[in-house]
Amino acid sequence: HLSRDVISELPHYPRCKGPVETFPTLTLQSFSCYFTVVLEGVAREVNVLFDSMAGVDCPKQVGPAFDVISVLVDIMGQCFDLTKDNPPLVKSALLLSQLKSGTTFLRTFITRV
């Protein structure tokens, strides 16, 4: 996963400058590109998941969907923690991206559950 295995590694480098060894194009300067893609992907994926579950009443199918939602919530939380715990990553563009994607994620979740 890009969120768990790649962008979460950047804080392990001095002042979050990178580059990340396993993903050399990820540096402090390129972080916002990766970060935004992950956040937008999670927000979009929760909507796709609910679309795929429309009209499904079988508990055997609903359970796995909630497992996926749990993973998406974890990814969103990990991304938010990256900026919270690492001052070099706190930039207005990243915070706005968090706000936008987080709002979309929550709105989708609340209106579709």
Foldseek 3Di string as FASTA:
>chain_A
DCQPPALLCQVVDVLSADDDPVHRVDGLVCSLVSLLVLLQVLLVVLLVLLVVCPPPDDPVVVVVSVVVVVVSVVSLVSSVVVCVVRVSNDDPSSVVSNVVSVVSNVVSVVVRD
